[in-house]
Amino acid sequence: MRQLEFDFSNRYKILAEASGGKLTEEDVYNLETYGAKHPSEFAPDPADEPKPGYCVCGEKDCPDEYAHMTSGY
């Protein structure tokens, strides 16, 4: 009986084809490895950014703005 050679590239290709064209081989790899199709899915939402001149804590011209931004307020 002939054994089917099954390496990673074949695996991703098979899964991409099974998606009916919705996913590429790279999408399948990224979903399996990172849980997202594209790195842009990890980008922060621009609506969450503070307005210019405001700190993430909500205070205008906050004296501790640097500490808040770098500590994960």
Protein backbone atom coordinates (compact mmCIF):
# COMPACT_ATOMS: atom_id res chain seq x y z
CA MET A 1 0.00 0.00 0.00
CA ARG A 2 1.36 3.38 -1.02
CA GLN A 3 1.63 5.90 1.80
CA LEU A 4 0.30 9.37 1.21
CA GLU A 5 3.01 11.96 1.71
CA PHE A 6 1.47 14.58 3.98
CA ASP A 7 3.67 17.56 4.73
CA PHE A 8 2.63 20.99 5.94
CA SER A 9 2.40 22.59 2.50
CA ASN A 10 0.04 19.85 1.32
CA ARG A 11 -2.01 20.22 4.46
CA TYR A 12 -2.56 23.96 4.05
CA LYS A 13 -3.27 23.55 0.35
CA ILE A 14 -5.90 20.87 1.02
CA LEU A 15 -7.59 22.97 3.70
CA ALA A 16 -7.53 26.09 1.51
CA GLU A 17 -9.15 24.17 -1.36
CA ALA A 18 -11.75 22.75 1.04
CA SER A 19 -12.74 26.30 2.01
CA GLY A 20 -14.17 26.83 -1.46
CA GLY A 21 -11.88 29.73 -2.27
CA LYS A 22 -12.61 31.67 0.93
CA LEU A 23 -9.14 31.07 2.37
CA THR A 24 -5.64 30.99 0.91
CA GLU A 25 -2.93 28.62 2.13
CA GLU A 26 -1.44 31.54 4.06
CA ASP A 27 -4.82 32.30 5.67
CA VAL A 28 -5.11 28.68 6.82
CA TYR A 29 -1.59 28.77 8.28
CA ASN A 30 -2.23 32.09 10.05
CA LEU A 31 -5.56 30.92 11.47
CA GLU A 32 -4.00 27.74 12.81
CA THR A 33 -0.89 29.44 14.19
CA TYR A 34 -2.19 32.81 15.41
CA GLY A 35 -5.97 32.55 15.45
CA ALA A 36 -6.33 35.34 12.86
CA LYS A 37 -6.13 35.51 9.08
CA HIS A 38 -4.10 38.71 8.90
CA PRO A 39 -1.92 40.70 11.33
CA SER A 40 -4.19 43.73 10.86
CA GLU A 41 -6.76 41.92 13.01
CA PHE A 42 -4.52 42.65 16.00
CA ALA A 43 -4.38 46.39 15.29
CA PRO A 44 -6.01 48.65 17.88
CA ASP A 45 -9.35 50.18 16.98
CA PRO A 46 -8.80 53.85 16.02
CA ALA A 47 -11.99 54.74 17.89
CA ASP A 48 -10.25 53.67 21.12
CA GLU A 49 -7.46 56.21 20.71
CA PRO A 50 -7.75 59.34 22.88
CA LYS A 51 -8.43 62.69 21.25
CA PRO A 52 -5.34 64.88 20.69
CA GLY A 53 -4.30 66.55 23.95
CA TYR A 54 -6.07 63.95 26.11
CA CYS A 55 -4.55 61.10 28.08
CA VAL A 56 -5.87 57.54 28.01
CA CYS A 57 -7.21 58.23 31.51
CA GLY A 58 -9.43 60.94 30.02
CA GLU A 59 -7.69 63.94 31.57
CA LYS A 60 -6.67 66.84 29.30
CA ASP A 61 -2.92 67.59 29.46
CA CYS A 62 -2.38 64.88 32.09
CA PRO A 63 1.00 65.22 33.83
CA ASP A 64 1.27 61.41 34.03
CA GLU A 65 0.36 60.74 30.39
CA TYR A 66 3.66 59.01 29.60
CA ALA A 67 3.30 56.67 32.57
CA HIS A 68 -0.29 55.87 31.64
CA MET A 69 0.59 55.13 28.00
CA THR A 70 3.54 52.90 28.84
CA SER A 71 2.05 51.02 31.79
CA GLY A 72 -1.05 49.73 30.03
CA TYR A 73 -3.46 51.97 31.95
